[in-house]
Amino acid sequence: MQKSNGVLVVAIVEDDPRIQQLLLAEIQDEGHNGVIFNSAEDFLENSSAQSFDLVLLDLMLPGIDGLACLKRIQDKAVDASPPRVVIMTALNDATKKQEALTNGAEDYVLKPDLFERLPELLHPAQRG
């Protein structure tokens, strides 16, 4: 769903302010726009006001966790295609990874690998 000008709108759903700012800076350095949400609830309440091309969704959030948020994103997108969702986490858990992928996540990225992988996540056509 990348715009014709190539600029993506990326939602950053993350409760750690340091990670929020690092991700936002990297996304902007790649030429895209980022919007920060501190919780899944904040994202779900406000995401209908703007469409997102990519959602970087933390797995372990206070309140609604990333997997529950992922399911709600998929449920809300019944009449339209949902945004691409990448789960980001410090938790290397095969069961959680499988659950995320089964429920529509495009990828499950461990936070130590996130910044290295971010350019390919922002430019999926360049993969390979």
N, C-alpha and C. Protein backbone atom coordinates (compact mmCIF):
# COMPACT_ATOMS: atom_id res chain seq x y z
N MET A 1 0.82 -1.19 0.00
CA MET A 1 0.00 0.00 0.00
C MET A 1 0.86 1.26 0.00
N GLN A 2 2.14 1.11 -0.39
CA GLN A 2 3.06 2.22 -0.40
C GLN A 2 2.56 3.31 -1.34
N LYS A 3 2.66 4.55 -0.90
CA LYS A 3 2.20 5.69 -1.69
C LYS A 3 3.04 5.81 -2.96
N SER A 4 2.47 6.46 -3.97
CA SER A 4 3.17 6.59 -5.24
C SER A 4 4.48 7.37 -5.08
N ASN A 5 4.56 8.25 -4.09
CA ASN A 5 5.79 8.98 -3.86
C ASN A 5 6.78 8.18 -3.01
N GLY A 6 6.38 6.98 -2.61
CA GLY A 6 7.27 6.10 -1.86
C GLY A 6 7.33 6.37 -0.37
N VAL A 7 6.61 7.37 0.12
CA VAL A 7 6.66 7.70 1.54
C VAL A 7 5.62 6.89 2.29
N LEU A 8 6.07 6.17 3.30
CA LEU A 8 5.18 5.38 4.14
C LEU A 8 4.78 6.17 5.38
N VAL A 9 3.61 5.84 5.91
CA VAL A 9 3.20 6.35 7.22
C VAL A 9 3.27 5.15 8.16
N VAL A 10 4.14 5.26 9.15
CA VAL A 10 4.44 4.14 10.05
C VAL A 10 3.96 4.45 11.45
N ALA A 11 3.15 3.56 12.01
CA ALA A 11 2.74 3.67 13.41
C ALA A 11 3.77 2.93 14.26
N ILE A 12 4.21 3.58 15.31
CA ILE A 12 5.14 2.99 16.27
C ILE A 12 4.35 2.79 17.56
N VAL A 13 4.02 1.55 17.86
CA VAL A 13 3.24 1.25 19.07
C VAL A 13 4.22 0.63 20.06
N GLU A 14 4.72 1.46 20.96
CA GLU A 14 5.83 1.09 21.85
C GLU A 14 5.73 1.92 23.12
N ASP A 15 5.94 1.28 24.27
CA ASP A 15 5.82 2.01 25.53
C ASP A 15 7.14 2.57 26.05
N ASP A 16 8.26 2.21 25.46
CA ASP A 16 9.57 2.70 25.91
C ASP A 16 9.92 3.97 25.12
N PRO A 17 9.99 5.12 25.80
CA PRO A 17 10.25 6.39 25.10
C PRO A 17 11.57 6.40 24.33
N ARG A 18 12.59 5.72 24.83
CA ARG A 18 13.88 5.69 24.12
C ARG A 18 13.74 4.97 22.80
N ILE A 19 13.07 3.83 22.81
CA ILE A 19 12.89 3.07 21.58
C ILE A 19 11.99 3.84 20.62
N GLN A 20 10.96 4.49 21.15
CA GLN A 20 10.09 5.32 20.31
C GLN A 20 10.90 6.34 19.52
N GLN A 21 11.75 7.07 20.23
CA GLN A 21 12.51 8.15 19.60
C GLN A 21 13.55 7.61 18.61
N LEU A 22 14.20 6.51 18.95
CA LEU A 22 15.17 5.91 18.03
C LEU A 22 14.49 5.42 16.76
N LEU A 23 13.34 4.76 16.91
CA LEU A 23 12.60 4.29 15.73
C LEU A 23 12.12 5.46 14.88
N LEU A 24 11.58 6.47 15.52
CA LEU A 24 11.09 7.64 14.79
C LEU A 24 12.22 8.28 13.99
N ALA A 25 13.39 8.44 14.61
CA ALA A 25 14.53 9.05 13.92
C ALA A 25 14.97 8.20 12.73
N GLU A 26 15.02 6.88 12.91
CA GLU A 26 15.42 5.99 11.81
C GLU A 26 14.41 6.02 10.67
N ILE A 27 13.13 6.02 11.02
CA ILE A 27 12.07 6.05 10.00
C ILE A 27 12.17 7.35 9.20
N GLN A 28 12.37 8.45 9.90
CA GLN A 28 12.49 9.75 9.23
C GLN A 28 13.77 9.80 8.39
N ASP A 29 14.86 9.21 8.88
CA ASP A 29 16.10 9.16 8.11
C ASP A 29 15.92 8.38 6.81
N GLU A 30 15.00 7.40 6.82
CA GLU A 30 14.72 6.61 5.63
C GLU A 30 13.72 7.33 4.70
N GLY A 31 13.26 8.52 5.12
CA GLY A 31 12.38 9.32 4.27
C GLY A 31 10.90 9.07 4.47
N HIS A 32 10.54 8.48 5.59
CA HIS A 32 9.14 8.15 5.85
C HIS A 32 8.63 8.96 7.05
N ASN A 33 7.33 8.84 7.30
CA ASN A 33 6.70 9.54 8.42
C ASN A 33 6.32 8.54 9.50
N GLY A 34 6.58 8.90 10.74
CA GLY A 34 6.24 8.04 11.86
C GLY A 34 5.31 8.73 12.83
N VAL A 35 4.43 7.94 13.44
CA VAL A 35 3.52 8.44 14.46
C VAL A 35 3.65 7.52 15.66
N ILE A 36 3.89 8.10 16.83
CA ILE A 36 4.13 7.32 18.05
C ILE A 36 2.84 7.14 18.84
N PHE A 37 2.63 5.91 19.30
CA PHE A 37 1.54 5.58 20.21
C PHE A 37 2.16 4.88 21.41
N ASN A 38 1.77 5.30 22.62
CA ASN A 38 2.35 4.77 23.85
C ASN A 38 1.75 3.44 24.29
N SER A 39 0.62 3.08 23.71
CA SER A 39 -0.06 1.84 24.11
C SER A 39 -0.91 1.34 22.96
N ALA A 40 -1.31 0.08 23.07
CA ALA A 40 -2.22 -0.49 22.07
C ALA A 40 -3.56 0.24 22.11
N GLU A 41 -4.01 0.58 23.30
CA GLU A 41 -5.28 1.30 23.44
C GLU A 41 -5.22 2.64 22.71
N ASP A 42 -4.13 3.36 22.90
CA ASP A 42 -3.93 4.65 22.24
C ASP A 42 -3.97 4.47 20.72
N PHE A 43 -3.29 3.47 20.22
CA PHE A 43 -3.28 3.20 18.78
C PHE A 43 -4.68 2.85 18.28
N LEU A 44 -5.35 1.93 18.96
CA LEU A 44 -6.66 1.48 18.50
C LEU A 44 -7.70 2.60 18.53
N GLU A 45 -7.60 3.47 19.53
CA GLU A 45 -8.55 4.59 19.63
C GLU A 45 -8.31 5.64 18.55
N ASN A 46 -7.08 5.80 18.11
CA ASN A 46 -6.74 6.91 17.21
C ASN A 46 -6.38 6.49 15.79
N SER A 47 -6.27 5.20 15.54
CA SER A 47 -5.80 4.75 14.22
C SER A 47 -6.83 4.95 13.12
N SER A 48 -8.10 5.09 13.46
CA SER A 48 -9.10 5.28 12.41
C SER A 48 -9.02 6.69 11.81
N ALA A 49 -8.37 7.62 12.49
CA ALA A 49 -8.25 8.98 11.98
C ALA A 49 -7.19 9.09 10.88
N GLN A 50 -6.33 8.08 10.77
CA GLN A 50 -5.26 8.12 9.79
C GLN A 50 -4.97 6.70 9.34
N SER A 51 -4.66 6.53 8.07
CA SER A 51 -4.32 5.18 7.61
C SER A 51 -2.81 5.00 7.69
N PHE A 52 -2.42 3.80 8.05
CA PHE A 52 -1.00 3.48 8.20
C PHE A 52 -0.62 2.40 7.20
N ASP A 53 0.58 2.53 6.66
CA ASP A 53 1.10 1.53 5.75
C ASP A 53 1.77 0.39 6.51
N LEU A 54 2.36 0.74 7.64
CA LEU A 54 3.10 -0.23 8.45
C LEU A 54 2.88 0.09 9.91
N VAL A 55 2.68 -0.96 10.72
CA VAL A 55 2.57 -0.81 12.16
C VAL A 55 3.69 -1.60 12.80
N LEU A 56 4.57 -0.91 13.52
CA LEU A 56 5.61 -1.57 14.32
C LEU A 56 5.02 -1.72 15.70
N LEU A 57 4.69 -2.94 16.06
CA LEU A 57 3.87 -3.21 17.25
C LEU A 57 4.67 -4.01 18.28
N ASP A 58 4.89 -3.40 19.43
CA ASP A 58 5.58 -4.09 20.53
C ASP A 58 4.70 -5.23 21.02
N LEU A 59 5.31 -6.36 21.31
CA LEU A 59 4.56 -7.52 21.81
C LEU A 59 4.12 -7.32 23.25
N MET A 60 5.04 -6.87 24.09
CA MET A 60 4.75 -6.76 25.52
C MET A 60 4.44 -5.31 25.89
N LEU A 61 3.16 -5.00 25.90
CA LEU A 61 2.68 -3.67 26.24
C LEU A 61 1.82 -3.75 27.49
N PRO A 62 1.77 -2.67 28.27
CA PRO A 62 0.83 -2.67 29.40
C PRO A 62 -0.59 -2.62 28.86
N GLY A 63 -1.52 -3.20 29.58
CA GLY A 63 -2.91 -3.23 29.10
C GLY A 63 -3.04 -4.25 27.99
N ILE A 64 -3.58 -3.83 26.85
CA ILE A 64 -3.74 -4.72 25.71
C ILE A 64 -2.35 -5.03 25.15
N ASP A 65 -2.02 -6.31 25.04
CA ASP A 65 -0.69 -6.66 24.52
C ASP A 65 -0.70 -6.65 22.99
N GLY A 66 0.47 -6.84 22.41
CA GLY A 66 0.62 -6.76 20.97
C GLY A 66 -0.21 -7.77 20.20
N LEU A 67 -0.32 -9.00 20.71
CA LEU A 67 -1.10 -10.02 20.00
C LEU A 67 -2.59 -9.67 19.99
N ALA A 68 -3.10 -9.20 21.12
CA ALA A 68 -4.52 -8.80 21.17
C ALA A 68 -4.75 -7.60 20.25
N CYS A 69 -3.80 -6.68 20.21
CA CYS A 69 -3.92 -5.51 19.33
C CYS A 69 -3.89 -5.96 17.87
N LEU A 70 -3.01 -6.89 17.54
CA LEU A 70 -2.92 -7.42 16.18
C LEU A 70 -4.26 -8.00 15.74
N LYS A 71 -4.88 -8.78 16.61
CA LYS A 71 -6.18 -9.38 16.28
C LYS A 71 -7.24 -8.30 16.03
N ARG A 72 -7.20 -7.24 16.83
CA ARG A 72 -8.17 -6.15 16.65
C ARG A 72 -7.91 -5.40 15.35
N ILE A 73 -6.65 -5.23 14.99
CA ILE A 73 -6.32 -4.57 13.72
C ILE A 73 -6.91 -5.39 12.57
N GLN A 74 -6.73 -6.70 12.63
CA GLN A 74 -7.25 -7.57 11.57
C GLN A 74 -8.78 -7.53 11.54
N ASP A 75 -9.40 -7.54 12.72
CA ASP A 75 -10.87 -7.51 12.79
C ASP A 75 -11.43 -6.20 12.24
N LYS A 76 -10.75 -5.08 12.51
CA LYS A 76 -11.23 -3.76 12.05
C LYS A 76 -11.12 -3.63 10.54
N ALA A 77 -10.27 -4.41 9.93
CA ALA A 77 -9.99 -4.27 8.50
C ALA A 77 -10.81 -5.21 7.64
N VAL A 78 -12.00 -5.55 8.07
CA VAL A 78 -12.84 -6.50 7.35
C VAL A 78 -13.12 -6.02 5.93
N ASP A 79 -13.43 -4.75 5.75
CA ASP A 79 -13.79 -4.23 4.43
C ASP A 79 -12.60 -3.64 3.67
N ALA A 80 -11.46 -3.54 4.30
CA ALA A 80 -10.28 -2.98 3.65
C ALA A 80 -9.08 -3.84 4.03
N SER A 81 -8.02 -3.71 3.26
CA SER A 81 -6.85 -4.50 3.63
C SER A 81 -6.18 -3.87 4.83
N PRO A 82 -5.79 -4.68 5.79
CA PRO A 82 -5.15 -4.14 6.99
C PRO A 82 -3.74 -3.64 6.66
N PRO A 83 -3.21 -2.78 7.52
CA PRO A 83 -1.83 -2.36 7.30
C PRO A 83 -0.88 -3.53 7.53
N ARG A 84 0.30 -3.43 7.00
CA ARG A 84 1.34 -4.41 7.33
C ARG A 84 1.67 -4.24 8.80
N VAL A 85 1.79 -5.35 9.52
CA VAL A 85 2.11 -5.30 10.95
C VAL A 85 3.35 -6.14 11.20
N VAL A 86 4.32 -5.53 11.86
CA VAL A 86 5.52 -6.24 12.28
C VAL A 86 5.56 -6.21 13.80
N ILE A 87 5.59 -7.39 14.39
CA ILE A 87 5.71 -7.49 15.85
C ILE A 87 7.18 -7.32 16.20
N MET A 88 7.46 -6.45 17.16
CA MET A 88 8.83 -6.28 17.64
C MET A 88 8.84 -6.62 19.12
N THR A 89 9.87 -7.37 19.52
CA THR A 89 9.88 -7.89 20.89
C THR A 89 11.28 -8.26 21.34
N ALA A 90 11.45 -8.31 22.63
CA ALA A 90 12.68 -8.84 23.22
C ALA A 90 12.51 -10.32 23.53
N LEU A 91 11.31 -10.84 23.31
CA LEU A 91 10.95 -12.21 23.68
C LEU A 91 11.16 -13.17 22.50
N ASN A 92 12.16 -14.00 22.61
CA ASN A 92 12.44 -15.00 21.57
C ASN A 92 11.63 -16.25 21.92
N ASP A 93 10.37 -16.26 21.50
CA ASP A 93 9.43 -17.31 21.88
C ASP A 93 8.76 -17.85 20.61
N ALA A 94 9.07 -19.09 20.26
CA ALA A 94 8.55 -19.69 19.01
C ALA A 94 7.03 -19.75 19.00
N THR A 95 6.40 -20.01 20.15
CA THR A 95 4.95 -20.09 20.22
C THR A 95 4.32 -18.73 19.94
N LYS A 96 4.85 -17.68 20.57
CA LYS A 96 4.33 -16.32 20.35
C LYS A 96 4.56 -15.91 18.89
N LYS A 97 5.72 -16.27 18.35
CA LYS A 97 6.01 -15.93 16.95
C LYS A 97 5.00 -16.58 16.03
N GLN A 98 4.73 -17.87 16.25
CA GLN A 98 3.77 -18.57 15.41
C GLN A 98 2.38 -17.97 15.55
N GLU A 99 1.99 -17.62 16.77
CA GLU A 99 0.68 -17.00 16.99
C GLU A 99 0.58 -15.66 16.26
N ALA A 100 1.65 -14.87 16.31
CA ALA A 100 1.64 -13.58 15.63
C ALA A 100 1.52 -13.75 14.12
N LEU A 101 2.29 -14.66 13.56
CA LEU A 101 2.26 -14.88 12.11
C LEU A 101 0.91 -15.46 11.67
N THR A 102 0.36 -16.36 12.48
CA THR A 102 -0.95 -16.95 12.18
C THR A 102 -2.06 -15.89 12.18
N ASN A 103 -1.90 -14.89 13.04
CA ASN A 103 -2.92 -13.85 13.17
C ASN A 103 -2.67 -12.64 12.27
N GLY A 104 -1.78 -12.78 11.30
CA GLY A 104 -1.64 -11.73 10.29
C GLY A 104 -0.42 -10.86 10.36
N ALA A 105 0.47 -11.09 11.31
CA ALA A 105 1.70 -10.30 11.34
C ALA A 105 2.57 -10.68 10.14
N GLU A 106 3.20 -9.70 9.57
CA GLU A 106 4.11 -9.94 8.44
C GLU A 106 5.42 -10.53 8.93
N ASP A 107 5.85 -10.12 10.12
CA ASP A 107 7.13 -10.57 10.63
C ASP A 107 7.12 -10.45 12.15
N TYR A 108 8.08 -11.12 12.77
CA TYR A 108 8.28 -11.13 14.22
C TYR A 108 9.76 -10.87 14.41
N VAL A 109 10.11 -9.65 14.82
CA VAL A 109 11.50 -9.23 14.85
C VAL A 109 11.95 -9.00 16.29
N LEU A 110 13.07 -9.61 16.63
CA LEU A 110 13.64 -9.38 17.96
C LEU A 110 14.25 -7.98 18.00
N LYS A 111 14.03 -7.28 19.11
CA LYS A 111 14.48 -5.89 19.20
C LYS A 111 15.97 -5.71 18.94
N PRO A 112 16.84 -6.64 19.37
CA PRO A 112 18.26 -6.44 19.04
C PRO A 112 18.53 -6.40 17.52
N ASP A 113 17.65 -7.01 16.72
CA ASP A 113 17.82 -7.03 15.27
C ASP A 113 17.00 -5.95 14.55
N LEU A 114 16.17 -5.24 15.29
CA LEU A 114 15.19 -4.35 14.68
C LEU A 114 15.82 -3.24 13.84
N PHE A 115 16.82 -2.57 14.37
CA PHE A 115 17.37 -1.43 13.64
C PHE A 115 18.14 -1.88 12.40
N GLU A 116 18.76 -3.04 12.47
CA GLU A 116 19.43 -3.58 11.29
C GLU A 116 18.42 -3.96 10.21
N ARG A 117 17.28 -4.46 10.62
CA ARG A 117 16.25 -4.92 9.68
C ARG A 117 15.29 -3.82 9.22
N LEU A 118 15.30 -2.68 9.89
CA LEU A 118 14.33 -1.63 9.59
C LEU A 118 14.32 -1.20 8.12
N PRO A 119 15.46 -0.98 7.48
CA PRO A 119 15.39 -0.59 6.06
C PRO A 119 14.64 -1.60 5.19
N GLU A 120 14.85 -2.89 5.41
CA GLU A 120 14.13 -3.89 4.60
C GLU A 120 12.65 -3.94 4.96
N LEU A 121 12.30 -3.64 6.20
CA LEU A 121 10.89 -3.61 6.59
C LEU A 121 10.18 -2.42 5.95
N LEU A 122 10.91 -1.32 5.82
CA LEU A 122 10.33 -0.12 5.21
C LEU A 122 10.28 -0.21 3.69
N HIS A 123 11.13 -1.02 3.11
CA HIS A 123 11.22 -1.15 1.65
C HIS A 123 11.12 -2.63 1.25
N PRO A 124 9.98 -3.27 1.46
CA PRO A 124 9.88 -4.71 1.22
C PRO A 124 10.14 -5.13 -0.23
N ALA A 125 9.92 -4.25 -1.17
CA ALA A 125 10.15 -4.59 -2.58
C ALA A 125 11.64 -4.77 -2.87
N GLN A 126 12.48 -4.23 -2.01
CA GLN A 126 13.92 -4.32 -2.21
C GLN A 126 14.50 -5.59 -1.58
N ARG A 127 13.66 -6.39 -0.95
CA ARG A 127 14.14 -7.63 -0.33
C ARG A 127 14.62 -8.59 -1.40
N GLY A 128 15.44 -9.54 -0.93
CA GLY A 128 15.75 -10.62 -1.82
C GLY A 128 17.15 -10.62 -2.22
